[in-house]
Amino acid sequence: MNLLLYMSPIAVLVLVPAVLIMEPNVLEVILSLGKQHRYMWVLLFINSTMAYSANLSNFLVTKHTSALTLQVLGNAKGAVAVVISILLFRNPVTVVGIGGYTMTVLGVVAYGQAKRRFR
């Protein structure tokens, strides 16, 4: 929580000026969308809450495990996302891609085995 407390204001100070420079009419667009779509502010709040929750869960996983475990979980998530996209959307896959994700899954399994063995 403390890390989020210190990171968030810094991120706002860096990103808001960048947005205002790169997209000069962004405030007008936001206000007009807020007037046109009555649920926009609710959706914006839900989006912000979900982003906060994702950051908080990443920090909690890192706190209770390690940064390496979080990285391995990220690789496993990527492999699962690819398998789901292949099954649902019938995305084409090359032999090199299959080999790479097979190595990823084997690495995740090997990490889990090594972690259990050396506890």
PDB file of N, CA and C in Angstrom:
ATOM      1  N   MET A   1       0.820  -1.190   0.000  1.00  0.00           N
ATOM      2  CA  MET A   1       0.000   0.000   0.000  1.00  0.00           C
ATOM      3  C   MET A   1       0.867   1.258   0.000  1.00  0.00           C
ATOM      4  N   ASN A   2       1.949   1.217   0.786  1.00  0.00           N
ATOM      5  CA  ASN A   2       2.821   2.396   0.834  1.00  0.00           C
ATOM      6  C   ASN A   2       3.452   2.673  -0.525  1.00  0.00           C
ATOM      7  N   LEU A   3       3.832   1.598  -1.227  1.00  0.00           N
ATOM      8  CA  LEU A   3       4.438   1.785  -2.543  1.00  0.00           C
ATOM      9  C   LEU A   3       3.447   2.444  -3.504  1.00  0.00           C
ATOM     10  N   LEU A   4       2.198   1.997  -3.480  1.00  0.00           N
ATOM     11  CA  LEU A   4       1.183   2.637  -4.313  1.00  0.00           C
ATOM     12  C   LEU A   4       0.947   4.081  -3.895  1.00  0.00           C
ATOM     13  N   LEU A   5       0.990   4.326  -2.593  1.00  0.00           N
ATOM     14  CA  LEU A   5       0.781   5.678  -2.083  1.00  0.00           C
ATOM     15  C   LEU A   5       1.843   6.635  -2.612  1.00  0.00           C
ATOM     16  N   TYR A   6       3.077   6.163  -2.693  1.00  0.00           N
ATOM     17  CA  TYR A   6       4.159   7.028  -3.170  1.00  0.00           C
ATOM     18  C   TYR A   6       4.271   7.054  -4.693  1.00  0.00           C
ATOM     19  N   MET A   7       3.901   5.946  -5.353  1.00  0.00           N
ATOM     20  CA  MET A   7       4.024   5.877  -6.813  1.00  0.00           C
ATOM     21  C   MET A   7       2.942   6.670  -7.537  1.00  0.00           C
ATOM     22  N   SER A   8       1.721   6.641  -7.022  1.00  0.00           N
ATOM     23  CA  SER A   8       0.590   7.243  -7.729  1.00  0.00           C
ATOM     24  C   SER A   8       0.735   8.741  -7.974  1.00  0.00           C
ATOM     25  N   PRO A   9       1.082   9.554  -6.965  1.00  0.00           N
ATOM     26  CA  PRO A   9       1.230  10.988  -7.251  1.00  0.00           C
ATOM     27  C   PRO A   9       2.350  11.283  -8.248  1.00  0.00           C
ATOM     28  N   ILE A  10       3.424  10.528  -8.177  1.00  0.00           N
ATOM     29  CA  ILE A  10       4.526  10.728  -9.124  1.00  0.00           C
ATOM     30  C   ILE A  10       4.072  10.392 -10.539  1.00  0.00           C
ATOM     31  N   ALA A  11       3.314   9.298 -10.674  1.00  0.00           N
ATOM     32  CA  ALA A  11       2.804   8.915 -11.990  1.00  0.00           C
ATOM     33  C   ALA A  11       1.870   9.984 -12.544  1.00  0.00           C
ATOM     34  N   VAL A  12       1.032  10.563 -11.685  1.00  0.00           N
ATOM     35  CA  VAL A  12       0.127  11.631 -12.126  1.00  0.00           C
ATOM     36  C   VAL A  12       0.927  12.847 -12.580  1.00  0.00           C
ATOM     37  N   LEU A  13       1.944  13.217 -11.807  1.00  0.00           N
ATOM     38  CA  LEU A  13       2.768  14.384 -12.157  1.00  0.00           C
ATOM     39  C   LEU A  13       3.513  14.194 -13.475  1.00  0.00           C
ATOM     40  N   VAL A  14       3.858  12.969 -13.796  1.00  0.00           N
ATOM     41  CA  VAL A  14       4.573  12.703 -15.050  1.00  0.00           C
ATOM     42  C   VAL A  14       3.602  12.560 -16.218  1.00  0.00           C
ATOM     43  N   LEU A  15       2.494  11.849 -15.995  1.00  0.00           N
ATOM     44  CA  LEU A  15       1.621  11.501 -17.114  1.00  0.00           C
ATOM     45  C   LEU A  15       0.636  12.599 -17.519  1.00  0.00           C
ATOM     46  N   VAL A  16       0.109  13.355 -16.568  1.00  0.00           N
ATOM     47  CA  VAL A  16      -0.875  14.387 -16.925  1.00  0.00           C
ATOM     48  C   VAL A  16      -0.283  15.449 -17.854  1.00  0.00           C
ATOM     49  N   PRO A  17       0.909  16.014 -17.553  1.00  0.00           N
ATOM     50  CA  PRO A  17       1.478  16.965 -18.520  1.00  0.00           C
ATOM     51  C   PRO A  17       1.751  16.342 -19.896  1.00  0.00           C
ATOM     52  N   ALA A  18       2.192  15.081 -19.888  1.00  0.00           N
ATOM     53  CA  ALA A  18       2.448  14.414 -21.169  1.00  0.00           C
ATOM     54  C   ALA A  18       1.156  14.277 -21.970  1.00  0.00           C
ATOM     55  N   VAL A  19       0.073  13.910 -21.318  1.00  0.00           N
ATOM     56  CA  VAL A  19      -1.217  13.774 -22.008  1.00  0.00           C
ATOM     57  C   VAL A  19      -1.687  15.127 -22.540  1.00  0.00           C
ATOM     58  N   LEU A  20      -1.562  16.158 -21.716  1.00  0.00           N
ATOM     59  CA  LEU A  20      -2.022  17.486 -22.144  1.00  0.00           C
ATOM     60  C   LEU A  20      -1.206  18.029 -23.311  1.00  0.00           C
ATOM     61  N   ILE A  21       0.067  17.668 -23.391  1.00  0.00           N
ATOM     62  CA  ILE A  21       0.906  18.101 -24.516  1.00  0.00           C
ATOM     63  C   ILE A  21       0.601  17.296 -25.769  1.00  0.00           C
ATOM     64  N   MET A  22       0.498  15.982 -25.623  1.00  0.00           N
ATOM     65  CA  MET A  22       0.299  15.113 -26.791  1.00  0.00           C
ATOM     66  C   MET A  22      -1.134  15.125 -27.320  1.00  0.00           C
ATOM     67  N   GLU A  23      -2.095  15.386 -26.439  1.00  0.00           N
ATOM     68  CA  GLU A  23      -3.497  15.420 -26.838  1.00  0.00           C
ATOM     69  C   GLU A  23      -4.122  16.703 -26.290  1.00  0.00           C
ATOM     70  N   PRO A  24      -3.951  17.805 -26.987  1.00  0.00           N
ATOM     71  CA  PRO A  24      -4.368  19.105 -26.448  1.00  0.00           C
ATOM     72  C   PRO A  24      -5.863  19.239 -26.179  1.00  0.00           C
ATOM     73  N   ASN A  25      -6.722  18.543 -26.897  1.00  0.00           N
ATOM     74  CA  ASN A  25      -8.166  18.706 -26.707  1.00  0.00           C
ATOM     75  C   ASN A  25      -8.777  17.585 -25.868  1.00  0.00           C
ATOM     76  N   VAL A  26      -7.964  16.897 -25.083  1.00  0.00           N
ATOM     77  CA  VAL A  26      -8.447  15.740 -24.336  1.00  0.00           C
ATOM     78  C   VAL A  26      -9.496  16.123 -23.295  1.00  0.00           C
ATOM     79  N   LEU A  27      -9.368  17.261 -22.656  1.00  0.00           N
ATOM     80  CA  LEU A  27     -10.352  17.663 -21.645  1.00  0.00           C
ATOM     81  C   LEU A  27     -11.722  17.910 -22.268  1.00  0.00           C
ATOM     82  N   GLU A  28     -11.751  18.549 -23.438  1.00  0.00           N
ATOM     83  CA  GLU A  28     -13.018  18.786 -24.140  1.00  0.00           C
ATOM     84  C   GLU A  28     -13.680  17.463 -24.535  1.00  0.00           C
ATOM     85  N   VAL A  29     -12.870  16.535 -25.000  1.00  0.00           N
ATOM     86  CA  VAL A  29     -13.396  15.231 -25.421  1.00  0.00           C
ATOM     87  C   VAL A  29     -13.976  14.482 -24.223  1.00  0.00           C
ATOM     88  N   ILE A  30     -13.258  14.497 -23.099  1.00  0.00           N
ATOM     89  CA  ILE A  30     -13.745  13.804 -21.902  1.00  0.00           C
ATOM     90  C   ILE A  30     -15.071  14.393 -21.430  1.00  0.00           C
ATOM     91  N   LEU A  31     -15.146  15.712 -21.389  1.00  0.00           N
ATOM     92  CA  LEU A  31     -16.382  16.341 -20.931  1.00  0.00           C
ATOM     93  C   LEU A  31     -17.543  16.090 -21.886  1.00  0.00           C
ATOM     94  N   SER A  32     -17.278  16.118 -23.188  1.00  0.00           N
ATOM     95  CA  SER A  32     -18.364  15.851 -24.142  1.00  0.00           C
ATOM     96  C   SER A  32     -18.808  14.391 -24.078  1.00  0.00           C
ATOM     97  N   LEU A  33     -17.861  13.469 -23.876  1.00  0.00           N
ATOM     98  CA  LEU A  33     -18.250  12.064 -23.714  1.00  0.00           C
ATOM     99  C   LEU A  33     -19.049  11.864 -22.439  1.00  0.00           C
ATOM    100  N   GLY A  34     -18.667  12.577 -21.378  1.00  0.00           N
ATOM    101  CA  GLY A  34     -19.413  12.488 -20.134  1.00  0.00           C
ATOM    102  C   GLY A  34     -20.832  12.969 -20.271  1.00  0.00           C
ATOM    103  N   LYS A  35     -21.060  13.962 -21.135  1.00  0.00           N
ATOM    104  CA  LYS A  35     -22.409  14.475 -21.369  1.00  0.00           C
ATOM    105  C   LYS A  35     -23.214  13.539 -22.271  1.00  0.00           C
ATOM    106  N   GLN A  36     -22.560  12.936 -23.258  1.00  0.00           N
ATOM    107  CA  GLN A  36     -23.253  12.073 -24.222  1.00  0.00           C
ATOM    108  C   GLN A  36     -23.614  10.719 -23.620  1.00  0.00           C
ATOM    109  N   HIS A  37     -22.714  10.135 -22.857  1.00  0.00           N
ATOM    110  CA  HIS A  37     -22.899   8.786 -22.310  1.00  0.00           C
ATOM    111  C   HIS A  37     -23.030   8.879 -20.797  1.00  0.00           C
ATOM    112  N   ARG A  38     -24.203   8.545 -20.300  1.00  0.00           N
ATOM    113  CA  ARG A  38     -24.467   8.782 -18.883  1.00  0.00           C
ATOM    114  C   ARG A  38     -23.694   7.844 -17.959  1.00  0.00           C
ATOM    115  N   TYR A  39     -23.211   6.713 -18.464  1.00  0.00           N
ATOM    116  CA  TYR A  39     -22.466   5.781 -17.617  1.00  0.00           C
ATOM    117  C   TYR A  39     -20.954   5.944 -17.723  1.00  0.00           C
ATOM    118  N   MET A  40     -20.491   6.936 -18.456  1.00  0.00           N
ATOM    119  CA  MET A  40     -19.052   7.081 -18.658  1.00  0.00           C
ATOM    120  C   MET A  40     -18.305   7.288 -17.346  1.00  0.00           C
ATOM    121  N   TRP A  41     -18.840   8.095 -16.443  1.00  0.00           N
ATOM    122  CA  TRP A  41     -18.128   8.373 -15.182  1.00  0.00           C
ATOM    123  C   TRP A  41     -18.113   7.141 -14.296  1.00  0.00           C
ATOM    124  N   VAL A  42     -19.178   6.352 -14.339  1.00  0.00           N
ATOM    125  CA  VAL A  42     -19.200   5.103 -13.570  1.00  0.00           C
ATOM    126  C   VAL A  42     -18.179   4.133 -14.141  1.00  0.00           C
ATOM    127  N   LEU A  43     -18.140   4.023 -15.464  1.00  0.00           N
ATOM    128  CA  LEU A  43     -17.174   3.128 -16.100  1.00  0.00           C
ATOM    129  C   LEU A  43     -15.741   3.583 -15.853  1.00  0.00           C
ATOM    130  N   LEU A  44     -15.517   4.889 -15.852  1.00  0.00           N
ATOM    131  CA  LEU A  44     -14.187   5.412 -15.558  1.00  0.00           C
ATOM    132  C   LEU A  44     -13.774   5.078 -14.127  1.00  0.00           C
ATOM    133  N   PHE A  45     -14.710   5.184 -13.196  1.00  0.00           N
ATOM    134  CA  PHE A  45     -14.426   4.827 -11.806  1.00  0.00           C
ATOM    135  C   PHE A  45     -14.133   3.337 -11.673  1.00  0.00           C
ATOM    136  N   ILE A  46     -14.919   2.502 -12.339  1.00  0.00           N
ATOM    137  CA  ILE A  46     -14.683   1.052 -12.298  1.00  0.00           C
ATOM    138  C   ILE A  46     -13.332   0.717 -12.903  1.00  0.00           C
ATOM    139  N   ASN A  47     -12.993   1.367 -14.019  1.00  0.00           N
ATOM    140  CA  ASN A  47     -11.696   1.151 -14.657  1.00  0.00           C
ATOM    141  C   ASN A  47     -10.558   1.522 -13.712  1.00  0.00           C
ATOM    142  N   SER A  48     -10.686   2.653 -13.033  1.00  0.00           N
ATOM    143  CA  SER A  48      -9.650   3.083 -12.097  1.00  0.00           C
ATOM    144  C   SER A  48      -9.529   2.113 -10.925  1.00  0.00           C
ATOM    145  N   THR A  49     -10.652   1.654 -10.433  1.00  0.00           N
ATOM    146  CA  THR A  49     -10.645   0.688  -9.324  1.00  0.00           C
ATOM    147  C   THR A  49      -9.995  -0.618  -9.739  1.00  0.00           C
ATOM    148  N   MET A  50     -10.278  -1.076 -10.943  1.00  0.00           N
ATOM    149  CA  MET A  50      -9.675  -2.323 -11.426  1.00  0.00           C
ATOM    150  C   MET A  50      -8.157  -2.168 -11.610  1.00  0.00           C
ATOM    151  N   ALA A  51      -7.728  -1.021 -12.113  1.00  0.00           N
ATOM    152  CA  ALA A  51      -6.293  -0.778 -12.271  1.00  0.00           C
ATOM    153  C   ALA A  51      -5.599  -0.749 -10.914  1.00  0.00           C
ATOM    154  N   TYR A  52      -6.228  -0.100  -9.943  1.00  0.00           N
ATOM    155  CA  TYR A  52      -5.671  -0.071  -8.588  1.00  0.00           C
ATOM    156  C   TYR A  52      -5.592  -1.486  -8.024  1.00  0.00           C
ATOM    157  N   SER A  53      -6.636  -2.278  -8.209  1.00  0.00           N
ATOM    158  CA  SER A  53      -6.655  -3.647  -7.701  1.00  0.00           C
ATOM    159  C   SER A  53      -5.589  -4.509  -8.362  1.00  0.00           C
ATOM    160  N   ALA A  54      -5.380  -4.326  -9.645  1.00  0.00           N
ATOM    161  CA  ALA A  54      -4.333  -5.086 -10.339  1.00  0.00           C
ATOM    162  C   ALA A  54      -2.955  -4.735  -9.789  1.00  0.00           C
ATOM    163  N   ASN A  55      -2.687  -3.442  -9.590  1.00  0.00           N
ATOM    164  CA  ASN A  55      -1.403  -3.038  -9.014  1.00  0.00           C
ATOM    165  C   ASN A  55      -1.241  -3.575  -7.603  1.00  0.00           C
ATOM    166  N   LEU A  56      -2.279  -3.481  -6.803  1.00  0.00           N
ATOM    167  CA  LEU A  56      -2.214  -3.957  -5.431  1.00  0.00           C
ATOM    168  C   LEU A  56      -1.973  -5.457  -5.384  1.00  0.00           C
ATOM    169  N   SER A  57      -2.652  -6.207  -6.241  1.00  0.00           N
ATOM    170  CA  SER A  57      -2.443  -7.662  -6.247  1.00  0.00           C
ATOM    171  C   SER A  57      -1.027  -8.010  -6.695  1.00  0.00           C
ATOM    172  N   ASN A  58      -0.474  -7.272  -7.665  1.00  0.00           N
ATOM    173  CA  ASN A  58       0.918  -7.513  -8.061  1.00  0.00           C
ATOM    174  C   ASN A  58       1.873  -7.266  -6.900  1.00  0.00           C
ATOM    175  N   PHE A  59       1.652  -6.179  -6.164  1.00  0.00           N
ATOM    176  CA  PHE A  59       2.520  -5.879  -5.025  1.00  0.00           C
ATOM    177  C   PHE A  59       2.376  -6.923  -3.927  1.00  0.00           C
ATOM    178  N   LEU A  60       1.151  -7.396  -3.690  1.00  0.00           N
ATOM    179  CA  LEU A  60       0.945  -8.400  -2.651  1.00  0.00           C
ATOM    180  C   LEU A  60       1.569  -9.740  -3.028  1.00  0.00           C
ATOM    181  N   VAL A  61       1.458 -10.129  -4.302  1.00  0.00           N
ATOM    182  CA  VAL A  61       2.105 -11.370  -4.745  1.00  0.00           C
ATOM    183  C   VAL A  61       3.611 -11.252  -4.596  1.00  0.00           C
ATOM    184  N   THR A  62       4.166 -10.110  -4.952  1.00  0.00           N
ATOM    185  CA  THR A  62       5.610  -9.903  -4.803  1.00  0.00           C
ATOM    186  C   THR A  62       6.013  -9.945  -3.338  1.00  0.00           C
ATOM    187  N   LYS A  63       5.205  -9.361  -2.480  1.00  0.00           N
ATOM    188  CA  LYS A  63       5.516  -9.340  -1.050  1.00  0.00           C
ATOM    189  C   LYS A  63       5.512 -10.752  -0.458  1.00  0.00           C
ATOM    190  N   HIS A  64       4.526 -11.554  -0.828  1.00  0.00           N
ATOM    191  CA  HIS A  64       4.379 -12.879  -0.227  1.00  0.00           C
ATOM    192  C   HIS A  64       5.197 -13.961  -0.929  1.00  0.00           C
ATOM    193  N   THR A  65       5.666 -13.699  -2.117  1.00  0.00           N
ATOM    194  CA  THR A  65       6.514 -14.686  -2.805  1.00  0.00           C
ATOM    195  C   THR A  65       7.850 -14.032  -3.098  1.00  0.00           C
ATOM    196  N   SER A  66       8.078 -13.696  -4.353  1.00  0.00           N
ATOM    197  CA  SER A  66       9.289 -12.980  -4.749  1.00  0.00           C
ATOM    198  C   SER A  66       9.065 -12.378  -6.128  1.00  0.00           C
ATOM    199  N   ALA A  67       9.973 -11.506  -6.509  1.00  0.00           N
ATOM    200  CA  ALA A  67       9.866 -10.887  -7.830  1.00  0.00           C
ATOM    201  C   ALA A  67      10.048 -11.938  -8.928  1.00  0.00           C
ATOM    202  N   LEU A  68      10.903 -12.918  -8.674  1.00  0.00           N
ATOM    203  CA  LEU A  68      11.111 -13.977  -9.656  1.00  0.00           C
ATOM    204  C   LEU A  68       9.839 -14.789  -9.862  1.00  0.00           C
ATOM    205  N   THR A  69       9.148 -15.110  -8.777  1.00  0.00           N
ATOM    206  CA  THR A  69       7.891 -15.851  -8.889  1.00  0.00           C
ATOM    207  C   THR A  69       6.869 -15.050  -9.684  1.00  0.00           C
ATOM    208  N   LEU A  70       6.792 -13.756  -9.449  1.00  0.00           N
ATOM    209  CA  LEU A  70       5.872 -12.914 -10.203  1.00  0.00           C
ATOM    210  C   LEU A  70       6.210 -12.921 -11.693  1.00  0.00           C
ATOM    211  N   GLN A  71       7.486 -12.906 -12.018  1.00  0.00           N
ATOM    212  CA  GLN A  71       7.913 -12.952 -13.416  1.00  0.00           C
ATOM    213  C   GLN A  71       7.537 -14.286 -14.060  1.00  0.00           C
ATOM    214  N   VAL A  72       7.742 -15.375 -13.325  1.00  0.00           N
ATOM    215  CA  VAL A  72       7.384 -16.702 -13.839  1.00  0.00           C
ATOM    216  C   VAL A  72       5.874 -16.799 -14.033  1.00  0.00           C
ATOM    217  N   LEU A  73       5.100 -16.260 -13.084  1.00  0.00           N
ATOM    218  CA  LEU A  73       3.648 -16.253 -13.244  1.00  0.00           C
ATOM    219  C   LEU A  73       3.220 -15.438 -14.468  1.00  0.00           C
ATOM    220  N   GLY A  74       3.916 -14.344 -14.738  1.00  0.00           N
ATOM    221  CA  GLY A  74       3.619 -13.554 -15.930  1.00  0.00           C
ATOM    222  C   GLY A  74       3.865 -14.337 -17.210  1.00  0.00           C
ATOM    223  N   ASN A  75       4.952 -15.108 -17.236  1.00  0.00           N
ATOM    224  CA  ASN A  75       5.231 -15.950 -18.406  1.00  0.00           C
ATOM    225  C   ASN A  75       4.173 -17.036 -18.561  1.00  0.00           C
ATOM    226  N   ALA A  76       3.755 -17.626 -17.433  1.00  0.00           N
ATOM    227  CA  ALA A  76       2.717 -18.656 -17.488  1.00  0.00           C
ATOM    228  C   ALA A  76       1.404 -18.050 -17.989  1.00  0.00           C
ATOM    229  N   LYS A  77       1.091 -16.833 -17.554  1.00  0.00           N
ATOM    230  CA  LYS A  77      -0.127 -16.151 -17.998  1.00  0.00           C
ATOM    231  C   LYS A  77      -0.089 -15.932 -19.513  1.00  0.00           C
ATOM    232  N   GLY A  78       1.071 -15.561 -20.031  1.00  0.00           N
ATOM    233  CA  GLY A  78       1.200 -15.375 -21.476  1.00  0.00           C
ATOM    234  C   GLY A  78       0.955 -16.661 -22.241  1.00  0.00           C
ATOM    235  N   ALA A  79       1.497 -17.766 -21.729  1.00  0.00           N
ATOM    236  CA  ALA A  79       1.297 -19.064 -22.391  1.00  0.00           C
ATOM    237  C   ALA A  79      -0.170 -19.474 -22.341  1.00  0.00           C
ATOM    238  N   VAL A  80      -0.827 -19.264 -21.208  1.00  0.00           N
ATOM    239  CA  VAL A  80      -2.249 -19.604 -21.091  1.00  0.00           C
ATOM    240  C   VAL A  80      -3.081 -18.738 -22.039  1.00  0.00           C
ATOM    241  N   ALA A  81      -2.745 -17.457 -22.138  1.00  0.00           N
ATOM    242  CA  ALA A  81      -3.477 -16.571 -23.046  1.00  0.00           C
ATOM    243  C   ALA A  81      -3.338 -17.023 -24.495  1.00  0.00           C
ATOM    244  N   VAL A  82      -2.162 -17.489 -24.873  1.00  0.00           N
ATOM    245  CA  VAL A  82      -1.957 -17.969 -26.246  1.00  0.00           C
ATOM    246  C   VAL A  82      -2.777 -19.230 -26.500  1.00  0.00           C
ATOM    247  N   VAL A  83      -2.770 -20.162 -25.547  1.00  0.00           N
ATOM    248  CA  VAL A  83      -3.550 -21.395 -25.720  1.00  0.00           C
ATOM    249  C   VAL A  83      -5.035 -21.069 -25.838  1.00  0.00           C
ATOM    250  N   ILE A  84      -5.525 -20.160 -25.000  1.00  0.00           N
ATOM    251  CA  ILE A  84      -6.944 -19.782 -25.073  1.00  0.00           C
ATOM    252  C   ILE A  84      -7.263 -19.108 -26.404  1.00  0.00           C
ATOM    253  N   SER A  85      -6.356 -18.247 -26.885  1.00  0.00           N
ATOM    254  CA  SER A  85      -6.615 -17.595 -28.168  1.00  0.00           C
ATOM    255  C   SER A  85      -6.598 -18.593 -29.319  1.00  0.00           C
ATOM    256  N   ILE A  86      -5.770 -19.612 -29.199  1.00  0.00           N
ATOM    257  CA  ILE A  86      -5.753 -20.650 -30.241  1.00  0.00           C
ATOM    258  C   ILE A  86      -7.060 -21.430 -30.217  1.00  0.00           C
ATOM    259  N   LEU A  87      -7.509 -21.792 -29.006  1.00  0.00           N
ATOM    260  CA  LEU A  87      -8.735 -22.584 -28.898  1.00  0.00           C
ATOM    261  C   LEU A  87      -9.980 -21.785 -29.269  1.00  0.00           C
ATOM    262  N   LEU A  88     -10.071 -20.543 -28.821  1.00  0.00           N
ATOM    263  CA  LEU A  88     -11.278 -19.759 -29.065  1.00  0.00           C
ATOM    264  C   LEU A  88     -11.320 -19.113 -30.438  1.00  0.00           C
ATOM    265  N   PHE A  89     -10.202 -18.524 -30.837  1.00  0.00           N
ATOM    266  CA  PHE A  89     -10.199 -17.719 -32.058  1.00  0.00           C
ATOM    267  C   PHE A  89      -9.535 -18.408 -33.248  1.00  0.00           C
ATOM    268  N   ARG A  90      -9.039 -19.606 -33.033  1.00  0.00           N
ATOM    269  CA  ARG A  90      -8.376 -20.375 -34.115  1.00  0.00           C
ATOM    270  C   ARG A  90      -7.228 -19.586 -34.750  1.00  0.00           C
ATOM    271  N   ASN A  91      -6.461 -18.894 -33.923  1.00  0.00           N
ATOM    272  CA  ASN A  91      -5.309 -18.145 -34.434  1.00  0.00           C
ATOM    273  C   ASN A  91      -4.264 -19.106 -34.983  1.00  0.00           C
ATOM    274  N   PRO A  92      -3.630 -18.743 -36.088  1.00  0.00           N
ATOM    275  CA  PRO A  92      -2.597 -19.624 -36.645  1.00  0.00           C
ATOM    276  C   PRO A  92      -1.350 -19.627 -35.753  1.00  0.00           C
ATOM    277  N   VAL A  93      -0.693 -20.773 -35.687  1.00  0.00           N
ATOM    278  CA  VAL A  93       0.494 -20.932 -34.854  1.00  0.00           C
ATOM    279  C   VAL A  93       1.599 -21.566 -35.694  1.00  0.00           C
ATOM    280  N   THR A  94       2.790 -21.017 -35.562  1.00  0.00           N
ATOM    281  CA  THR A  94       3.938 -21.596 -36.274  1.00  0.00           C
ATOM    282  C   THR A  94       4.614 -22.634 -35.388  1.00  0.00           C
ATOM    283  N   VAL A  95       5.464 -23.428 -35.990  1.00  0.00           N
ATOM    284  CA  VAL A  95       6.219 -24.433 -35.247  1.00  0.00           C
ATOM    285  C   VAL A  95       7.153 -23.752 -34.251  1.00  0.00           C
ATOM    286  N   VAL A  96       7.740 -22.649 -34.644  1.00  0.00           N
ATOM    287  CA  VAL A  96       8.626 -21.910 -33.738  1.00  0.00           C
ATOM    288  C   VAL A  96       7.833 -21.384 -32.538  1.00  0.00           C
ATOM    289  N   GLY A  97       6.622 -20.894 -32.770  1.00  0.00           N
ATOM    290  CA  GLY A  97       5.772 -20.421 -31.677  1.00  0.00           C
ATOM    291  C   GLY A  97       5.403 -21.537 -30.716  1.00  0.00           C
ATOM    292  N   ILE A  98       5.036 -22.688 -31.260  1.00  0.00           N
ATOM    293  CA  ILE A  98       4.719 -23.839 -30.413  1.00  0.00           C
ATOM    294  C   ILE A  98       5.936 -24.231 -29.586  1.00  0.00           C
ATOM    295  N   GLY A  99       7.099 -24.244 -30.225  1.00  0.00           N
ATOM    296  CA  GLY A  99       8.330 -24.576 -29.493  1.00  0.00           C
ATOM    297  C   GLY A  99       8.620 -23.586 -28.376  1.00  0.00           C
ATOM    298  N   GLY A 100       8.428 -22.298 -28.658  1.00  0.00           N
ATOM    299  CA  GLY A 100       8.692 -21.278 -27.652  1.00  0.00           C
ATOM    300  C   GLY A 100       7.756 -21.379 -26.461  1.00  0.00           C
ATOM    301  N   TYR A 101       6.486 -21.578 -26.703  1.00  0.00           N
ATOM    302  CA  TYR A 101       5.551 -21.688 -25.589  1.00  0.00           C
ATOM    303  C   TYR A 101       5.685 -23.023 -24.865  1.00  0.00           C
ATOM    304  N   THR A 102       6.108 -24.064 -25.560  1.00  0.00           N
ATOM    305  CA  THR A 102       6.412 -25.323 -24.881  1.00  0.00           C
ATOM    306  C   THR A 102       7.582 -25.140 -23.929  1.00  0.00           C
ATOM    307  N   MET A 103       8.610 -24.433 -24.382  1.00  0.00           N
ATOM    308  CA  MET A 103       9.741 -24.141 -23.500  1.00  0.00           C
ATOM    309  C   MET A 103       9.313 -23.286 -22.312  1.00  0.00           C
ATOM    310  N   THR A 104       8.410 -22.345 -22.545  1.00  0.00           N
ATOM    311  CA  THR A 104       7.908 -21.504 -21.462  1.00  0.00           C
ATOM    312  C   THR A 104       7.199 -22.335 -20.409  1.00  0.00           C
ATOM    313  N   VAL A 105       6.307 -23.220 -20.855  1.00  0.00           N
ATOM    314  CA  VAL A 105       5.571 -24.069 -19.912  1.00  0.00           C
ATOM    315  C   VAL A 105       6.537 -24.995 -19.171  1.00  0.00           C
ATOM    316  N   LEU A 106       7.498 -25.554 -19.874  1.00  0.00           N
ATOM    317  CA  LEU A 106       8.485 -26.420 -19.214  1.00  0.00           C
ATOM    318  C   LEU A 106       9.311 -25.639 -18.198  1.00  0.00           C
ATOM    319  N   GLY A 107       9.641 -24.396 -18.503  1.00  0.00           N
ATOM    320  CA  GLY A 107      10.369 -23.559 -17.561  1.00  0.00           C
ATOM    321  C   GLY A 107       9.556 -23.258 -16.309  1.00  0.00           C
ATOM    322  N   VAL A 108       8.260 -23.000 -16.493  1.00  0.00           N
ATOM    323  CA  VAL A 108       7.385 -22.745 -15.341  1.00  0.00           C
ATOM    324  C   VAL A 108       7.293 -23.995 -14.469  1.00  0.00           C
ATOM    325  N   VAL A 109       7.138 -25.150 -15.097  1.00  0.00           N
ATOM    326  CA  VAL A 109       7.076 -26.405 -14.341  1.00  0.00           C
ATOM    327  C   VAL A 109       8.398 -26.669 -13.625  1.00  0.00           C
ATOM    328  N   ALA A 110       9.514 -26.447 -14.308  1.00  0.00           N
ATOM    329  CA  ALA A 110      10.827 -26.661 -13.686  1.00  0.00           C
ATOM    330  C   ALA A 110      11.042 -25.710 -12.513  1.00  0.00           C
ATOM    331  N   TYR A 111      10.592 -24.475 -12.640  1.00  0.00           N
ATOM    332  CA  TYR A 111      10.703 -23.515 -11.539  1.00  0.00           C
ATOM    333  C   TYR A 111       9.889 -23.986 -10.336  1.00  0.00           C
ATOM    334  N   GLY A 112       8.677 -24.452 -10.587  1.00  0.00           N
ATOM    335  CA  GLY A 112       7.844 -24.965  -9.497  1.00  0.00           C
ATOM    336  C   GLY A 112       8.475 -26.157  -8.806  1.00  0.00           C
ATOM    337  N   GLN A 113       9.054 -27.072  -9.594  1.00  0.00           N
ATOM    338  CA  GLN A 113       9.718 -28.244  -9.016  1.00  0.00           C
ATOM    339  C   GLN A 113      10.938 -27.842  -8.197  1.00  0.00           C
ATOM    340  N   ALA A 114      11.729 -26.932  -8.726  1.00  0.00           N
ATOM    341  CA  ALA A 114      12.924 -26.490  -8.008  1.00  0.00           C
ATOM    342  C   ALA A 114      12.556 -25.762  -6.721  1.00  0.00           C
ATOM    343  N   LYS A 115      11.510 -24.994  -6.771  1.00  0.00           N
ATOM    344  CA  LYS A 115      11.083 -24.263  -5.571  1.00  0.00           C
ATOM    345  C   LYS A 115      10.603 -25.228  -4.488  1.00  0.00           C
ATOM    346  N   ARG A 116       9.868 -26.278  -4.884  1.00  0.00           N
ATOM    347  CA  ARG A 116       9.417 -27.271  -3.912  1.00  0.00           C
ATOM    348  C   ARG A 116      10.586 -28.073  -3.353  1.00  0.00           C
ATOM    349  N   ARG A 117      11.540 -28.409  -4.202  1.00  0.00           N
ATOM    350  CA  ARG A 117      12.657 -29.238  -3.798  1.00  0.00           C
ATOM    351  C   ARG A 117      13.570 -28.536  -2.797  1.00  0.00           C
ATOM    352  N   PHE A 118      13.790 -27.222  -2.973  1.00  0.00           N
ATOM    353  CA  PHE A 118      14.765 -26.507  -2.142  1.00  0.00           C
ATOM    354  C   PHE A 118      14.123 -25.662  -1.061  1.00  0.00           C
ATOM    355  N   ARG A 119      12.938 -26.016  -0.622  1.00  0.00           N
ATOM    356  CA  ARG A 119      12.287 -25.269   0.474  1.00  0.00           C
ATOM    357  C   ARG A 119      12.930 -25.582   1.781  1.00  0.00           C
TER     358      ARG A 119
END
